[in-house]
Amino acid sequence: MRTLYDVQQILKKFGIFIYVGKRMWDIELMMIELKKIHS
């Protein structure tokens, strides 16, 4: 994973689509979801 796009594609494979509206909020929520997937 090198870019935010890569992260979005991984989340998409798990059926997770994130759009809160503010870029930083989106990134924070993606981090939370990745941690959930990883554990």
N, C-alpha and C. Protein backbone atom coordinates (compact mmCIF):
# COMPACT_ATOMS: atom_id res chain seq x y z
N MET A 1 0.85 -1.18 0.00
CA MET A 1 0.00 0.00 0.00
C MET A 1 0.89 1.23 0.00
N ARG A 2 0.81 1.95 -1.06
CA ARG A 2 1.63 3.15 -1.16
C ARG A 2 0.80 4.42 -1.16
N THR A 3 -0.41 4.33 -1.62
CA THR A 3 -1.23 5.53 -1.73
C THR A 3 -2.58 5.32 -1.05
N LEU A 4 -3.28 6.40 -0.85
CA LEU A 4 -4.62 6.33 -0.28
C LEU A 4 -5.54 5.54 -1.20
N TYR A 5 -5.31 5.66 -2.49
CA TYR A 5 -6.10 4.90 -3.46
C TYR A 5 -5.96 3.40 -3.22
N ASP A 6 -4.73 2.95 -2.93
CA ASP A 6 -4.49 1.53 -2.64
C ASP A 6 -5.32 1.08 -1.44
N VAL A 7 -5.35 1.91 -0.41
CA VAL A 7 -6.12 1.60 0.80
C VAL A 7 -7.60 1.51 0.45
N GLN A 8 -8.09 2.45 -0.34
CA GLN A 8 -9.50 2.44 -0.74
C GLN A 8 -9.84 1.17 -1.50
N GLN A 9 -8.94 0.70 -2.34
CA GLN A 9 -9.19 -0.51 -3.12
C GLN A 9 -9.25 -1.75 -2.23
N ILE A 10 -8.39 -1.79 -1.22
CA ILE A 10 -8.43 -2.92 -0.28
C ILE A 10 -9.74 -2.91 0.49
N LEU A 11 -10.14 -1.75 0.99
CA LEU A 11 -11.40 -1.66 1.73
C LEU A 11 -12.58 -2.03 0.84
N LYS A 12 -12.50 -1.64 -0.42
CA LYS A 12 -13.57 -1.94 -1.37
C LYS A 12 -13.74 -3.45 -1.54
N LYS A 13 -12.64 -4.20 -1.51
CA LYS A 13 -12.71 -5.65 -1.61
C LYS A 13 -13.50 -6.26 -0.46
N PHE A 14 -13.49 -5.58 0.69
CA PHE A 14 -14.22 -6.05 1.86
C PHE A 14 -15.62 -5.43 1.94
N GLY A 15 -15.99 -4.67 0.92
CA GLY A 15 -17.32 -4.07 0.90
C GLY A 15 -17.43 -2.83 1.76
N ILE A 16 -16.30 -2.17 2.02
CA ILE A 16 -16.29 -0.98 2.87
C ILE A 16 -16.03 0.24 1.99
N PHE A 17 -17.01 1.12 1.95
CA PHE A 17 -16.88 2.36 1.19
C PHE A 17 -16.98 3.52 2.17
N ILE A 18 -15.97 4.39 2.18
CA ILE A 18 -15.92 5.47 3.15
C ILE A 18 -15.93 6.81 2.45
N TYR A 19 -16.89 7.64 2.82
CA TYR A 19 -16.90 9.04 2.40
C TYR A 19 -17.64 9.83 3.46
N VAL A 20 -16.89 10.55 4.27
CA VAL A 20 -17.47 11.37 5.33
C VAL A 20 -17.64 12.80 4.83
N GLY A 21 -16.73 13.24 3.99
CA GLY A 21 -16.84 14.58 3.45
C GLY A 21 -15.56 15.38 3.61
N LYS A 22 -14.89 15.17 4.74
CA LYS A 22 -13.60 15.83 4.96
C LYS A 22 -12.51 14.78 4.80
N ARG A 23 -11.48 15.13 4.09
CA ARG A 23 -10.42 14.18 3.74
C ARG A 23 -9.78 13.54 4.97
N MET A 24 -9.47 14.36 5.99
CA MET A 24 -8.83 13.83 7.19
C MET A 24 -9.75 12.87 7.93
N TRP A 25 -11.04 13.15 7.97
CA TRP A 25 -11.99 12.26 8.63
C TRP A 25 -12.07 10.94 7.87
N ASP A 26 -12.04 11.02 6.54
CA ASP A 26 -12.05 9.81 5.71
C ASP A 26 -10.83 8.94 6.04
N ILE A 27 -9.67 9.58 6.12
CA ILE A 27 -8.42 8.85 6.38
C ILE A 27 -8.45 8.21 7.76
N GLU A 28 -8.93 8.95 8.76
CA GLU A 28 -9.01 8.41 10.11
C GLU A 28 -9.94 7.20 10.16
N LEU A 29 -11.08 7.30 9.49
CA LEU A 29 -12.03 6.19 9.47
C LEU A 29 -11.45 4.99 8.73
N MET A 30 -10.69 5.24 7.66
CA MET A 30 -10.04 4.15 6.93
C MET A 30 -9.02 3.44 7.83
N MET A 31 -8.28 4.21 8.63
CA MET A 31 -7.32 3.60 9.55
C MET A 31 -8.03 2.69 10.55
N ILE A 32 -9.16 3.14 11.07
CA ILE A 32 -9.93 2.34 12.02
C ILE A 32 -10.40 1.04 11.36
N GLU A 33 -10.92 1.15 10.15
CA GLU A 33 -11.42 -0.03 9.45
C GLU A 33 -10.30 -1.01 9.12
N LEU A 34 -9.14 -0.49 8.71
CA LEU A 34 -8.00 -1.38 8.42
C LEU A 34 -7.56 -2.13 9.67
N LYS A 35 -7.57 -1.45 10.81
CA LYS A 35 -7.20 -2.11 12.07
C LYS A 35 -8.20 -3.21 12.40
N LYS A 36 -9.48 -2.98 12.14
CA LYS A 36 -10.51 -4.00 12.40
C LYS A 36 -10.30 -5.20 11.49
N ILE A 37 -9.99 -4.95 10.23
CA ILE A 37 -9.76 -6.04 9.27
C ILE A 37 -8.53 -6.85 9.67
N HIS A 38 -7.50 -6.14 10.10
CA HIS A 38 -6.23 -6.79 10.43
C HIS A 38 -6.33 -7.67 11.67
N SER A 39 -7.16 -7.28 12.62
CA SER A 39 -7.24 -8.07 13.88
C SER A 39 -8.26 -9.17 13.81
